[in-house]
Amino acid sequence: MIEMFCFAITLICRPAFARYWVWLPVAVGVLELGENVLLAYLAWTGGVVAGGLAGVAACFTFTKWTLAAVSLIGLLLSLARRMVAKSSPARD
């Protein structure tokens, strides 16, 4: 999924914008990995050893989905901008 977001951003967005915007899906992937590692550790230990890590995993989850939504919204706005620019008549 991360690769598809990055590929779509590089295809649809302007290069100056895409150069920075493409890092949002990468951050989503890193947060997903961190969340999975923490949840696996909590499952392995039964959650009694490090109960505070559940809150950290919840923060990872919230941030992951927030960045995924922001990335998707930015992609959709860039697509709409491109479609409007393509459909408007050329100015002389």
C-alpha atoms as a PDB file:
ATOM      1  CA  MET A   1       0.000   0.000   0.000  1.00  0.00           C
ATOM      2  CA  ILE A   2       2.817   2.397   0.814  1.00  0.00           C
ATOM      3  CA  GLU A   3       4.381   1.850  -2.587  1.00  0.00           C
ATOM      4  CA  MET A   4       1.091   2.646  -4.318  1.00  0.00           C
ATOM      5  CA  PHE A   5       0.724   5.910  -2.404  1.00  0.00           C
ATOM      6  CA  CYS A   6       4.300   6.941  -3.192  1.00  0.00           C
ATOM      7  CA  PHE A   7       3.907   6.016  -6.856  1.00  0.00           C
ATOM      8  CA  ALA A   8       0.608   7.899  -7.154  1.00  0.00           C
ATOM      9  CA  ILE A   9       2.108  10.960  -5.475  1.00  0.00           C
ATOM     10  CA  THR A  10       5.052  11.010  -7.857  1.00  0.00           C
ATOM     11  CA  LEU A  11       2.745  10.652 -10.862  1.00  0.00           C
ATOM     12  CA  ILE A  12       0.026  13.118  -9.908  1.00  0.00           C
ATOM     13  CA  CYS A  13       1.639  15.827  -7.793  1.00  0.00           C
ATOM     14  CA  ARG A  14       3.982  18.539  -8.976  1.00  0.00           C
ATOM     15  CA  PRO A  15       7.650  17.543  -8.487  1.00  0.00           C
ATOM     16  CA  ALA A  16       8.380  20.308  -5.966  1.00  0.00           C
ATOM     17  CA  PHE A  17       5.391  19.199  -3.897  1.00  0.00           C
ATOM     18  CA  ALA A  18       5.897  15.461  -4.376  1.00  0.00           C
ATOM     19  CA  ARG A  19       9.513  15.659  -3.229  1.00  0.00           C
ATOM     20  CA  TYR A  20       8.308  16.270   0.327  1.00  0.00           C
ATOM     21  CA  TRP A  21       4.808  14.783   0.209  1.00  0.00           C
ATOM     22  CA  VAL A  22       6.109  11.337  -0.700  1.00  0.00           C
ATOM     23  CA  TRP A  23       7.577  10.991   2.791  1.00  0.00           C
ATOM     24  CA  LEU A  24       4.131  10.848   4.431  1.00  0.00           C
ATOM     25  CA  PRO A  25       3.394   7.279   3.249  1.00  0.00           C
ATOM     26  CA  VAL A  26       6.913   6.283   4.304  1.00  0.00           C
ATOM     27  CA  ALA A  27       6.199   7.646   7.793  1.00  0.00           C
ATOM     28  CA  VAL A  28       2.943   5.663   7.795  1.00  0.00           C
ATOM     29  CA  GLY A  29       4.926   2.499   7.077  1.00  0.00           C
ATOM     30  CA  VAL A  30       7.409   3.198   9.868  1.00  0.00           C
ATOM     31  CA  LEU A  31       4.583   3.848  12.329  1.00  0.00           C
ATOM     32  CA  GLU A  32       2.859   0.636  11.221  1.00  0.00           C
ATOM     33  CA  LEU A  33       6.038  -1.319  11.874  1.00  0.00           C
ATOM     34  CA  GLY A  34       6.485   0.285  15.291  1.00  0.00           C
ATOM     35  CA  GLU A  35       2.874  -0.425  16.204  1.00  0.00           C
ATOM     36  CA  ASN A  36       3.204  -4.071  15.157  1.00  0.00           C
ATOM     37  CA  VAL A  37       6.419  -4.537  17.141  1.00  0.00           C
ATOM     38  CA  LEU A  38       4.861  -3.060  20.277  1.00  0.00           C
ATOM     39  CA  LEU A  39       1.683  -5.118  19.933  1.00  0.00           C
ATOM     40  CA  ALA A  40       3.691  -8.293  19.365  1.00  0.00           C
ATOM     41  CA  TYR A  41       5.746  -7.541  22.484  1.00  0.00           C
ATOM     42  CA  LEU A  42       2.608  -6.899  24.513  1.00  0.00           C
ATOM     43  CA  ALA A  43       1.076 -10.150  23.260  1.00  0.00           C
ATOM     44  CA  TRP A  44       4.275 -12.049  24.050  1.00  0.00           C
ATOM     45  CA  THR A  45       4.519 -10.724  27.615  1.00  0.00           C
ATOM     46  CA  GLY A  46       0.802 -10.826  28.310  1.00  0.00           C
ATOM     47  CA  GLY A  47       0.704  -7.061  28.782  1.00  0.00           C
ATOM     48  CA  VAL A  48       1.622  -7.230  32.464  1.00  0.00           C
ATOM     49  CA  VAL A  49       5.285  -6.316  32.070  1.00  0.00           C
ATOM     50  CA  ALA A  50       4.900  -3.098  30.127  1.00  0.00           C
ATOM     51  CA  GLY A  51       1.323  -1.866  30.285  1.00  0.00           C
ATOM     52  CA  GLY A  52       2.434   1.683  29.389  1.00  0.00           C
ATOM     53  CA  LEU A  53       3.489   0.465  25.963  1.00  0.00           C
ATOM     54  CA  ALA A  54      -0.160   0.014  25.035  1.00  0.00           C
ATOM     55  CA  GLY A  55      -0.543   3.792  25.161  1.00  0.00           C
ATOM     56  CA  VAL A  56       2.496   4.240  22.948  1.00  0.00           C
ATOM     57  CA  ALA A  57       1.081   1.720  20.474  1.00  0.00           C
ATOM     58  CA  ALA A  58      -2.222   3.617  20.506  1.00  0.00           C
ATOM     59  CA  CYS A  59      -0.364   6.864  19.723  1.00  0.00           C
ATOM     60  CA  PHE A  60       1.397   5.105  16.848  1.00  0.00           C
ATOM     61  CA  THR A  61      -1.964   3.922  15.534  1.00  0.00           C
ATOM     62  CA  PHE A  62      -3.576   7.359  15.775  1.00  0.00           C
ATOM     63  CA  THR A  63      -0.631   9.085  14.122  1.00  0.00           C
ATOM     64  CA  LYS A  64      -0.459   6.431  11.406  1.00  0.00           C
ATOM     65  CA  TRP A  65      -4.091   6.867  10.407  1.00  0.00           C
ATOM     66  CA  THR A  66      -3.882  10.653  10.639  1.00  0.00           C
ATOM     67  CA  LEU A  67      -0.885  10.739   8.287  1.00  0.00           C
ATOM     68  CA  ALA A  68      -2.570   8.255   5.948  1.00  0.00           C
ATOM     69  CA  ALA A  69      -5.658  10.473   5.773  1.00  0.00           C
ATOM     70  CA  VAL A  70      -3.588  13.616   5.208  1.00  0.00           C
ATOM     71  CA  SER A  71      -1.643  11.841   2.483  1.00  0.00           C
ATOM     72  CA  LEU A  72      -4.814  10.695   0.759  1.00  0.00           C
ATOM     73  CA  ILE A  73      -6.447  14.132   1.020  1.00  0.00           C
ATOM     74  CA  GLY A  74      -3.358  15.779  -0.453  1.00  0.00           C
ATOM     75  CA  LEU A  75      -3.319  13.251  -3.272  1.00  0.00           C
ATOM     76  CA  LEU A  76      -6.997  13.850  -4.042  1.00  0.00           C
ATOM     77  CA  LEU A  77      -6.524  17.627  -3.982  1.00  0.00           C
ATOM     78  CA  SER A  78      -3.589  17.352  -6.381  1.00  0.00           C
ATOM     79  CA  LEU A  79      -5.650  15.134  -8.655  1.00  0.00           C
ATOM     80  CA  ALA A  80      -8.531  17.635  -8.615  1.00  0.00           C
ATOM     81  CA  ARG A  81      -6.121  20.484  -9.336  1.00  0.00           C
ATOM     82  CA  ARG A  82      -4.686  18.585 -12.277  1.00  0.00           C
ATOM     83  CA  MET A  83      -8.126  17.768 -13.655  1.00  0.00           C
ATOM     84  CA  VAL A  84      -9.296  21.391 -13.372  1.00  0.00           C
ATOM     85  CA  ALA A  85      -6.126  22.641 -15.051  1.00  0.00           C
ATOM     86  CA  LYS A  86      -6.562  20.123 -17.860  1.00  0.00           C
ATOM     87  CA  SER A  87     -10.210  20.977 -18.477  1.00  0.00           C
ATOM     88  CA  SER A  88      -9.827  24.755 -18.426  1.00  0.00           C
ATOM     89  CA  PRO A  89      -9.172  26.421 -21.799  1.00  0.00           C
ATOM     90  CA  ALA A  90      -5.630  27.531 -22.529  1.00  0.00           C
ATOM     91  CA  ARG A  91      -4.933  31.200 -22.034  1.00  0.00           C
ATOM     92  CA  ASP A  92      -3.155  33.172 -24.750  1.00  0.00           C
END
